Amino acid sequence: MTEEEEFYTYKGAARRADRSISTIMRWAREWAAAGELHTDAEGRRIVAHSTLMRTLAAKLETNTAHQRKLARILREHAAGAPADPT
């Protein structure tokens, strides 16, 4: 953890990861078990940017729908067609 690292409240983390607050709370149980959950000066639970992004990447890596979408985008890119962002 670096001094310049950004921290998010659950609401900020949900906005940054484009997930619901309840999803962030579910992930927070994993972070708490790993000792990666912190509190700020006001007592709010916060999470480091690196922890949030590492968890999001791990969840997307195991998501089959996301993998199919990536494969489709890569196929279209290799064929020279513009990829549909949806």
PDB file of N, CA and C in Angstrom:
ATOM      1  N   MET A   1       0.855  -1.171   0.000  1.00  0.00           N
ATOM      2  CA  MET A   1       0.000   0.000   0.000  1.00  0.00           C
ATOM      3  C   MET A   1       0.899   1.231   0.000  1.00  0.00           C
ATOM      4  N   THR A   2       0.715   2.114  -0.969  1.00  0.00           N
ATOM      5  CA  THR A   2       1.521   3.314  -1.058  1.00  0.00           C
ATOM      6  C   THR A   2       0.790   4.491  -0.439  1.00  0.00           C
ATOM      7  N   GLU A   3       1.545   5.532  -0.132  1.00  0.00           N
ATOM      8  CA  GLU A   3       0.937   6.710   0.476  1.00  0.00           C
ATOM      9  C   GLU A   3       0.023   7.440  -0.493  1.00  0.00           C
ATOM     10  N   GLU A   4       0.313   7.377  -1.796  1.00  0.00           N
ATOM     11  CA  GLU A   4      -0.493   8.071  -2.794  1.00  0.00           C
ATOM     12  C   GLU A   4      -1.712   7.272  -3.241  1.00  0.00           C
ATOM     13  N   GLU A   5      -1.875   6.071  -2.739  1.00  0.00           N
ATOM     14  CA  GLU A   5      -2.968   5.215  -3.194  1.00  0.00           C
ATOM     15  C   GLU A   5      -4.322   5.821  -2.834  1.00  0.00           C
ATOM     16  N   GLU A   6      -5.244   5.684  -3.751  1.00  0.00           N
ATOM     17  CA  GLU A   6      -6.581   6.215  -3.556  1.00  0.00           C
ATOM     18  C   GLU A   6      -7.437   5.207  -2.789  1.00  0.00           C
ATOM     19  N   PHE A   7      -8.291   5.714  -1.914  1.00  0.00           N
ATOM     20  CA  PHE A   7      -9.194   4.874  -1.150  1.00  0.00           C
ATOM     21  C   PHE A   7     -10.623   5.281  -1.453  1.00  0.00           C
ATOM     22  N   TYR A   8     -11.539   4.307  -1.382  1.00  0.00           N
ATOM     23  CA  TYR A   8     -12.946   4.548  -1.672  1.00  0.00           C
ATOM     24  C   TYR A   8     -13.816   4.062  -0.524  1.00  0.00           C
ATOM     25  N   THR A   9     -14.908   4.781  -0.283  1.00  0.00           N
ATOM     26  CA  THR A   9     -15.954   4.258   0.584  1.00  0.00           C
ATOM     27  C   THR A   9     -16.683   3.194  -0.233  1.00  0.00           C
ATOM     28  N   TYR A  10     -17.592   2.477   0.386  1.00  0.00           N
ATOM     29  CA  TYR A  10     -18.336   1.459  -0.369  1.00  0.00           C
ATOM     30  C   TYR A  10     -19.084   2.084  -1.546  1.00  0.00           C
ATOM     31  N   LYS A  11     -19.687   3.246  -1.313  1.00  0.00           N
ATOM     32  CA  LYS A  11     -20.430   3.915  -2.385  1.00  0.00           C
ATOM     33  C   LYS A  11     -19.492   4.331  -3.520  1.00  0.00           C
ATOM     34  N   GLY A  12     -18.344   4.887  -3.174  1.00  0.00           N
ATOM     35  CA  GLY A  12     -17.371   5.280  -4.181  1.00  0.00           C
ATOM     36  C   GLY A  12     -16.799   4.081  -4.917  1.00  0.00           C
ATOM     37  N   ALA A  13     -16.561   2.996  -4.191  1.00  0.00           N
ATOM     38  CA  ALA A  13     -16.042   1.777  -4.811  1.00  0.00           C
ATOM     39  C   ALA A  13     -17.067   1.193  -5.775  1.00  0.00           C
ATOM     40  N   ALA A  14     -18.343   1.237  -5.386  1.00  0.00           N
ATOM     41  CA  ALA A  14     -19.399   0.725  -6.268  1.00  0.00           C
ATOM     42  C   ALA A  14     -19.458   1.545  -7.554  1.00  0.00           C
ATOM     43  N   ARG A  15     -19.337   2.845  -7.419  1.00  0.00           N
ATOM     44  CA  ARG A  15     -19.364   3.724  -8.597  1.00  0.00           C
ATOM     45  C   ARG A  15     -18.146   3.463  -9.475  1.00  0.00           C
ATOM     46  N   ARG A  16     -16.963   3.326  -8.868  1.00  0.00           N
ATOM     47  CA  ARG A  16     -15.720   3.128  -9.619  1.00  0.00           C
ATOM     48  C   ARG A  16     -15.706   1.788 -10.348  1.00  0.00           C
ATOM     49  N   ALA A  17     -16.226   0.742  -9.705  1.00  0.00           N
ATOM     50  CA  ALA A  17     -16.219  -0.596 -10.299  1.00  0.00           C
ATOM     51  C   ALA A  17     -17.471  -0.875 -11.119  1.00  0.00           C
ATOM     52  N   ASP A  18     -18.403   0.058 -11.141  1.00  0.00           N
ATOM     53  CA  ASP A  18     -19.675  -0.107 -11.842  1.00  0.00           C
ATOM     54  C   ASP A  18     -20.408  -1.358 -11.348  1.00  0.00           C
ATOM     55  N   ARG A  19     -20.466  -1.486 -10.037  1.00  0.00           N
ATOM     56  CA  ARG A  19     -21.161  -2.580  -9.372  1.00  0.00           C
ATOM     57  C   ARG A  19     -22.061  -1.989  -8.297  1.00  0.00           C
ATOM     58  N   SER A  20     -22.939  -2.789  -7.735  1.00  0.00           N
ATOM     59  CA  SER A  20     -23.844  -2.297  -6.695  1.00  0.00           C
ATOM     60  C   SER A  20     -23.120  -2.237  -5.347  1.00  0.00           C
ATOM     61  N   ILE A  21     -23.687  -1.459  -4.449  1.00  0.00           N
ATOM     62  CA  ILE A  21     -23.111  -1.357  -3.110  1.00  0.00           C
ATOM     63  C   ILE A  21     -23.175  -2.710  -2.403  1.00  0.00           C
ATOM     64  N   SER A  22     -24.247  -3.460  -2.651  1.00  0.00           N
ATOM     65  CA  SER A  22     -24.347  -4.784  -2.012  1.00  0.00           C
ATOM     66  C   SER A  22     -23.254  -5.726  -2.516  1.00  0.00           C
ATOM     67  N   THR A  23     -22.858  -5.591  -3.771  1.00  0.00           N
ATOM     68  CA  THR A  23     -21.753  -6.392  -4.290  1.00  0.00           C
ATOM     69  C   THR A  23     -20.459  -6.011  -3.585  1.00  0.00           C
ATOM     70  N   ILE A  24     -20.239  -4.716  -3.410  1.00  0.00           N
ATOM     71  CA  ILE A  24     -19.036  -4.257  -2.707  1.00  0.00           C
ATOM     72  C   ILE A  24     -19.039  -4.775  -1.274  1.00  0.00           C
ATOM     73  N   MET A  25     -20.201  -4.783  -0.633  1.00  0.00           N
ATOM     74  CA  MET A  25     -20.289  -5.293   0.740  1.00  0.00           C
ATOM     75  C   MET A  25     -19.971  -6.788   0.784  1.00  0.00           C
ATOM     76  N   ARG A  26     -20.397  -7.524  -0.245  1.00  0.00           N
ATOM     77  CA  ARG A  26     -20.093  -8.957  -0.309  1.00  0.00           C
ATOM     78  C   ARG A  26     -18.586  -9.153  -0.478  1.00  0.00           C
ATOM     79  N   TRP A  27     -17.977  -8.379  -1.374  1.00  0.00           N
ATOM     80  CA  TRP A  27     -16.537  -8.469  -1.574  1.00  0.00           C
ATOM     81  C   TRP A  27     -15.796  -8.070  -0.306  1.00  0.00           C
ATOM     82  N   ALA A  28     -16.369  -7.123   0.464  1.00  0.00           N
ATOM     83  CA  ALA A  28     -15.720  -6.638   1.684  1.00  0.00           C
ATOM     84  C   ALA A  28     -15.546  -7.751   2.701  1.00  0.00           C
ATOM     85  N   ARG A  29     -16.411  -8.732   2.691  1.00  0.00           N
ATOM     86  CA  ARG A  29     -16.239  -9.865   3.598  1.00  0.00           C
ATOM     87  C   ARG A  29     -14.942 -10.606   3.272  1.00  0.00           C
ATOM     88  N   GLU A  30     -14.639 -10.728   1.977  1.00  0.00           N
ATOM     89  CA  GLU A  30     -13.379 -11.353   1.568  1.00  0.00           C
ATOM     90  C   GLU A  30     -12.198 -10.471   1.968  1.00  0.00           C
ATOM     91  N   TRP A  31     -12.347  -9.158   1.778  1.00  0.00           N
ATOM     92  CA  TRP A  31     -11.259  -8.237   2.117  1.00  0.00           C
ATOM     93  C   TRP A  31     -10.988  -8.234   3.607  1.00  0.00           C
ATOM     94  N   ALA A  32     -12.051  -8.290   4.410  1.00  0.00           N
ATOM     95  CA  ALA A  32     -11.883  -8.280   5.864  1.00  0.00           C
ATOM     96  C   ALA A  32     -11.141  -9.538   6.316  1.00  0.00           C
ATOM     97  N   ALA A  33     -11.480 -10.666   5.708  1.00  0.00           N
ATOM     98  CA  ALA A  33     -10.815 -11.922   6.057  1.00  0.00           C
ATOM     99  C   ALA A  33      -9.329 -11.873   5.689  1.00  0.00           C
ATOM    100  N   ALA A  34      -9.016 -11.127   4.626  1.00  0.00           N
ATOM    101  CA  ALA A  34      -7.629 -11.019   4.180  1.00  0.00           C
ATOM    102  C   ALA A  34      -6.909  -9.835   4.829  1.00  0.00           C
ATOM    103  N   GLY A  35      -7.605  -9.068   5.646  1.00  0.00           N
ATOM    104  CA  GLY A  35      -6.998  -7.920   6.310  1.00  0.00           C
ATOM    105  C   GLY A  35      -6.804  -6.717   5.410  1.00  0.00           C
ATOM    106  N   GLU A  36      -7.581  -6.621   4.330  1.00  0.00           N
ATOM    107  CA  GLU A  36      -7.421  -5.537   3.357  1.00  0.00           C
ATOM    108  C   GLU A  36      -8.495  -4.463   3.482  1.00  0.00           C
ATOM    109  N   LEU A  37      -9.272  -4.508   4.532  1.00  0.00           N
ATOM    110  CA  LEU A  37     -10.324  -3.522   4.746  1.00  0.00           C
ATOM    111  C   LEU A  37      -9.829  -2.542   5.805  1.00  0.00           C
ATOM    112  N   HIS A  38      -9.999  -1.249   5.546  1.00  0.00           N
ATOM    113  CA  HIS A  38      -9.485  -0.218   6.438  1.00  0.00           C
ATOM    114  C   HIS A  38     -10.628   0.698   6.863  1.00  0.00           C
ATOM    115  N   THR A  39     -10.363   1.550   7.837  1.00  0.00           N
ATOM    116  CA  THR A  39     -11.325   2.576   8.229  1.00  0.00           C
ATOM    117  C   THR A  39     -10.646   3.937   8.134  1.00  0.00           C
ATOM    118  N   ASP A  40     -11.442   4.959   7.789  1.00  0.00           N
ATOM    119  CA  ASP A  40     -10.892   6.311   7.718  1.00  0.00           C
ATOM    120  C   ASP A  40     -11.025   6.993   9.069  1.00  0.00           C
ATOM    121  N   ALA A  41     -10.685   8.264   9.134  1.00  0.00           N
ATOM    122  CA  ALA A  41     -10.698   9.009  10.398  1.00  0.00           C
ATOM    123  C   ALA A  41     -12.102   9.129  10.986  1.00  0.00           C
ATOM    124  N   GLU A  42     -13.110   9.050  10.127  1.00  0.00           N
ATOM    125  CA  GLU A  42     -14.498   9.157  10.590  1.00  0.00           C
ATOM    126  C   GLU A  42     -15.110   7.800  10.921  1.00  0.00           C
ATOM    127  N   GLY A  43     -14.341   6.731  10.807  1.00  0.00           N
ATOM    128  CA  GLY A  43     -14.819   5.400  11.141  1.00  0.00           C
ATOM    129  C   GLY A  43     -15.518   4.672  10.004  1.00  0.00           C
ATOM    130  N   ARG A  44     -15.525   5.275   8.806  1.00  0.00           N
ATOM    131  CA  ARG A  44     -16.142   4.604   7.652  1.00  0.00           C
ATOM    132  C   ARG A  44     -15.202   3.548   7.103  1.00  0.00           C
ATOM    133  N   ARG A  45     -15.772   2.444   6.656  1.00  0.00           N
ATOM    134  CA  ARG A  45     -14.950   1.407   6.042  1.00  0.00           C
ATOM    135  C   ARG A  45     -14.581   1.850   4.639  1.00  0.00           C
ATOM    136  N   ILE A  46     -13.302   1.723   4.317  1.00  0.00           N
ATOM    137  CA  ILE A  46     -12.800   2.128   3.006  1.00  0.00           C
ATOM    138  C   ILE A  46     -11.957   0.994   2.434  1.00  0.00           C
ATOM    139  N   VAL A  47     -11.798   1.033   1.122  1.00  0.00           N
ATOM    140  CA  VAL A  47     -11.012   0.005   0.440  1.00  0.00           C
ATOM    141  C   VAL A  47     -10.029   0.690  -0.502  1.00  0.00           C
ATOM    142  N   ALA A  48      -8.837   0.127  -0.611  1.00  0.00           N
ATOM    143  CA  ALA A  48      -7.802   0.672  -1.483  1.00  0.00           C
ATOM    144  C   ALA A  48      -8.143   0.398  -2.942  1.00  0.00           C
ATOM    145  N   HIS A  49      -7.731   1.317  -3.800  1.00  0.00           N
ATOM    146  CA  HIS A  49      -7.967   1.184  -5.243  1.00  0.00           C
ATOM    147  C   HIS A  49      -7.391  -0.129  -5.772  1.00  0.00           C
ATOM    148  N   SER A  50      -6.179  -0.465  -5.361  1.00  0.00           N
ATOM    149  CA  SER A  50      -5.539  -1.693  -5.868  1.00  0.00           C
ATOM    150  C   SER A  50      -6.323  -2.937  -5.458  1.00  0.00           C
ATOM    151  N   THR A  51      -6.854  -2.941  -4.251  1.00  0.00           N
ATOM    152  CA  THR A  51      -7.649  -4.081  -3.782  1.00  0.00           C
ATOM    153  C   THR A  51      -8.933  -4.191  -4.591  1.00  0.00           C
ATOM    154  N   LEU A  52      -9.590  -3.060  -4.831  1.00  0.00           N
ATOM    155  CA  LEU A  52     -10.828  -3.045  -5.611  1.00  0.00           C
ATOM    156  C   LEU A  52     -10.587  -3.545  -7.027  1.00  0.00           C
ATOM    157  N   MET A  53      -9.548  -3.039  -7.683  1.00  0.00           N
ATOM    158  CA  MET A  53      -9.283  -3.427  -9.071  1.00  0.00           C
ATOM    159  C   MET A  53      -8.843  -4.883  -9.174  1.00  0.00           C
ATOM    160  N   ARG A  54      -8.065  -5.358  -8.193  1.00  0.00           N
ATOM    161  CA  ARG A  54      -7.639  -6.763  -8.206  1.00  0.00           C
ATOM    162  C   ARG A  54      -8.852  -7.692  -8.072  1.00  0.00           C
ATOM    163  N   THR A  55      -9.783  -7.330  -7.189  1.00  0.00           N
ATOM    164  CA  THR A  55     -10.986  -8.138  -7.001  1.00  0.00           C
ATOM    165  C   THR A  55     -11.862  -8.093  -8.243  1.00  0.00           C
ATOM    166  N   LEU A  56     -12.045  -6.908  -8.818  1.00  0.00           N
ATOM    167  CA  LEU A  56     -12.864  -6.780 -10.024  1.00  0.00           C
ATOM    168  C   LEU A  56     -12.274  -7.610 -11.163  1.00  0.00           C
ATOM    169  N   ALA A  57     -10.961  -7.542 -11.344  1.00  0.00           N
ATOM    170  CA  ALA A  57     -10.314  -8.319 -12.406  1.00  0.00           C
ATOM    171  C   ALA A  57     -10.501  -9.816 -12.190  1.00  0.00           C
ATOM    172  N   ALA A  58     -10.385 -10.265 -10.947  1.00  0.00           N
ATOM    173  CA  ALA A  58     -10.555 -11.688 -10.640  1.00  0.00           C
ATOM    174  C   ALA A  58     -11.989 -12.129 -10.919  1.00  0.00           C
ATOM    175  N   LYS A  59     -12.958 -11.288 -10.573  1.00  0.00           N
ATOM    176  CA  LYS A  59     -14.360 -11.633 -10.807  1.00  0.00           C
ATOM    177  C   LYS A  59     -14.660 -11.665 -12.303  1.00  0.00           C
ATOM    178  N   LEU A  60     -14.119 -10.713 -13.060  1.00  0.00           N
ATOM    179  CA  LEU A  60     -14.355 -10.701 -14.509  1.00  0.00           C
ATOM    180  C   LEU A  60     -13.668 -11.878 -15.190  1.00  0.00           C
ATOM    181  N   GLU A  61     -12.523 -12.278 -14.675  1.00  0.00           N
ATOM    182  CA  GLU A  61     -11.777 -13.396 -15.253  1.00  0.00           C
ATOM    183  C   GLU A  61     -12.565 -14.701 -15.168  1.00  0.00           C
ATOM    184  N   THR A  62     -13.364 -14.853 -14.135  1.00  0.00           N
ATOM    185  CA  THR A  62     -14.133 -16.083 -13.960  1.00  0.00           C
ATOM    186  C   THR A  62     -15.556 -15.975 -14.505  1.00  0.00           C
ATOM    187  N   ASN A  63     -15.913 -14.821 -15.061  1.00  0.00           N
ATOM    188  CA  ASN A  63     -17.255 -14.599 -15.583  1.00  0.00           C
ATOM    189  C   ASN A  63     -17.308 -15.055 -17.043  1.00  0.00           C
ATOM    190  N   THR A  64     -18.033 -16.120 -17.332  1.00  0.00           N
ATOM    191  CA  THR A  64     -18.054 -16.679 -18.689  1.00  0.00           C
ATOM    192  C   THR A  64     -18.688 -15.722 -19.698  1.00  0.00           C
ATOM    193  N   ALA A  65     -19.707 -14.977 -19.299  1.00  0.00           N
ATOM    194  CA  ALA A  65     -20.332 -14.024 -20.218  1.00  0.00           C
ATOM    195  C   ALA A  65     -19.329 -12.947 -20.611  1.00  0.00           C
ATOM    196  N   HIS A  66     -18.556 -12.483 -19.675  1.00  0.00           N
ATOM    197  CA  HIS A  66     -17.532 -11.477 -19.965  1.00  0.00           C
ATOM    198  C   HIS A  66     -16.466 -12.056 -20.894  1.00  0.00           C
ATOM    199  N   GLN A  67     -16.075 -13.292 -20.671  1.00  0.00           N
ATOM    200  CA  GLN A  67     -15.072 -13.925 -21.522  1.00  0.00           C
ATOM    201  C   GLN A  67     -15.572 -14.082 -22.961  1.00  0.00           C
ATOM    202  N   ARG A  68     -16.848 -14.453 -23.118  1.00  0.00           N
ATOM    203  CA  ARG A  68     -17.417 -14.562 -24.471  1.00  0.00           C
ATOM    204  C   ARG A  68     -17.437 -13.205 -25.160  1.00  0.00           C
ATOM    205  N   LYS A  69     -17.765 -12.148 -24.425  1.00  0.00           N
ATOM    206  CA  LYS A  69     -17.790 -10.801 -24.991  1.00  0.00           C
ATOM    207  C   LYS A  69     -16.384 -10.392 -25.436  1.00  0.00           C
ATOM    208  N   LEU A  70     -15.383 -10.657 -24.607  1.00  0.00           N
ATOM    209  CA  LEU A  70     -14.009 -10.334 -24.982  1.00  0.00           C
ATOM    210  C   LEU A  70     -13.577 -11.110 -26.224  1.00  0.00           C
ATOM    211  N   ALA A  71     -13.933 -12.380 -26.284  1.00  0.00           N
ATOM    212  CA  ALA A  71     -13.570 -13.204 -27.441  1.00  0.00           C
ATOM    213  C   ALA A  71     -14.214 -12.654 -28.712  1.00  0.00           C
ATOM    214  N   ARG A  72     -15.481 -12.231 -28.615  1.00  0.00           N
ATOM    215  CA  ARG A  72     -16.177 -11.658 -29.768  1.00  0.00           C
ATOM    216  C   ARG A  72     -15.501 -10.366 -30.218  1.00  0.00           C
ATOM    217  N   ILE A  73     -15.138  -9.516 -29.273  1.00  0.00           N
ATOM    218  CA  ILE A  73     -14.476  -8.257 -29.612  1.00  0.00           C
ATOM    219  C   ILE A  73     -13.134  -8.525 -30.273  1.00  0.00           C
ATOM    220  N   LEU A  74     -12.378  -9.489 -29.755  1.00  0.00           N
ATOM    221  CA  LEU A  74     -11.085  -9.818 -30.350  1.00  0.00           C
ATOM    222  C   LEU A  74     -11.238 -10.396 -31.753  1.00  0.00           C
ATOM    223  N   ARG A  75     -12.265 -11.241 -31.964  1.00  0.00           N
ATOM    224  CA  ARG A  75     -12.516 -11.783 -33.305  1.00  0.00           C
ATOM    225  C   ARG A  75     -12.849 -10.670 -34.284  1.00  0.00           C
ATOM    226  N   GLU A  76     -13.710  -9.751 -33.873  1.00  0.00           N
ATOM    227  CA  GLU A  76     -14.100  -8.649 -34.743  1.00  0.00           C
ATOM    228  C   GLU A  76     -12.907  -7.738 -35.041  1.00  0.00           C
ATOM    229  N   HIS A  77     -12.088  -7.534 -34.038  1.00  0.00           N
ATOM    230  CA  HIS A  77     -10.910  -6.691 -34.215  1.00  0.00           C
ATOM    231  C   HIS A  77      -9.929  -7.341 -35.193  1.00  0.00           C
ATOM    232  N   ALA A  78      -9.756  -8.650 -35.074  1.00  0.00           N
ATOM    233  CA  ALA A  78      -8.844  -9.368 -35.963  1.00  0.00           C
ATOM    234  C   ALA A  78      -9.376  -9.368 -37.400  1.00  0.00           C
ATOM    235  N   ALA A  79     -10.701  -9.360 -37.557  1.00  0.00           N
ATOM    236  CA  ALA A  79     -11.307  -9.352 -38.889  1.00  0.00           C
ATOM    237  C   ALA A  79     -11.334  -7.950 -39.481  1.00  0.00           C
ATOM    238  N   GLY A  80     -10.992  -6.947 -38.693  1.00  0.00           N
ATOM    239  CA  GLY A  80     -10.968  -5.585 -39.196  1.00  0.00           C
ATOM    240  C   GLY A  80     -12.264  -4.831 -39.027  1.00  0.00           C
ATOM    241  N   ALA A  81     -13.270  -5.460 -38.459  1.00  0.00           N
ATOM    242  CA  ALA A  81     -14.541  -4.790 -38.255  1.00  0.00           C
ATOM    243  C   ALA A  81     -14.504  -4.015 -36.949  1.00  0.00           C
ATOM    244  N   PRO A  82     -15.169  -2.863 -36.908  1.00  0.00           N
ATOM    245  CA  PRO A  82     -15.206  -2.131 -35.631  1.00  0.00           C
ATOM    246  C   PRO A  82     -15.986  -2.900 -34.580  1.00  0.00           C
ATOM    247  N   ALA A  83     -15.470  -2.936 -33.385  1.00  0.00           N
ATOM    248  CA  ALA A  83     -16.109  -3.672 -32.303  1.00  0.00           C
ATOM    249  C   ALA A  83     -17.294  -2.877 -31.763  1.00  0.00           C
ATOM    250  N   ASP A  84     -18.389  -3.574 -31.528  1.00  0.00           N
ATOM    251  CA  ASP A  84     -19.570  -2.967 -30.911  1.00  0.00           C
ATOM    252  C   ASP A  84     -19.309  -2.863 -29.412  1.00  0.00           C
ATOM    253  N   PRO A  85     -19.403  -1.662 -28.821  1.00  0.00           N
ATOM    254  CA  PRO A  85     -19.061  -1.521 -27.402  1.00  0.00           C
ATOM    255  C   PRO A  85     -20.030  -2.166 -26.431  1.00  0.00           C
ATOM    256  N   THR A  86     -21.157  -2.692 -26.888  1.00  0.00           N
ATOM    257  CA  THR A  86     -22.134  -3.277 -25.974  1.00  0.00           C
ATOM    258  C   THR A  86     -21.904  -4.734 -25.744  1.00  0.00           C
TER     259      THR A  86
END
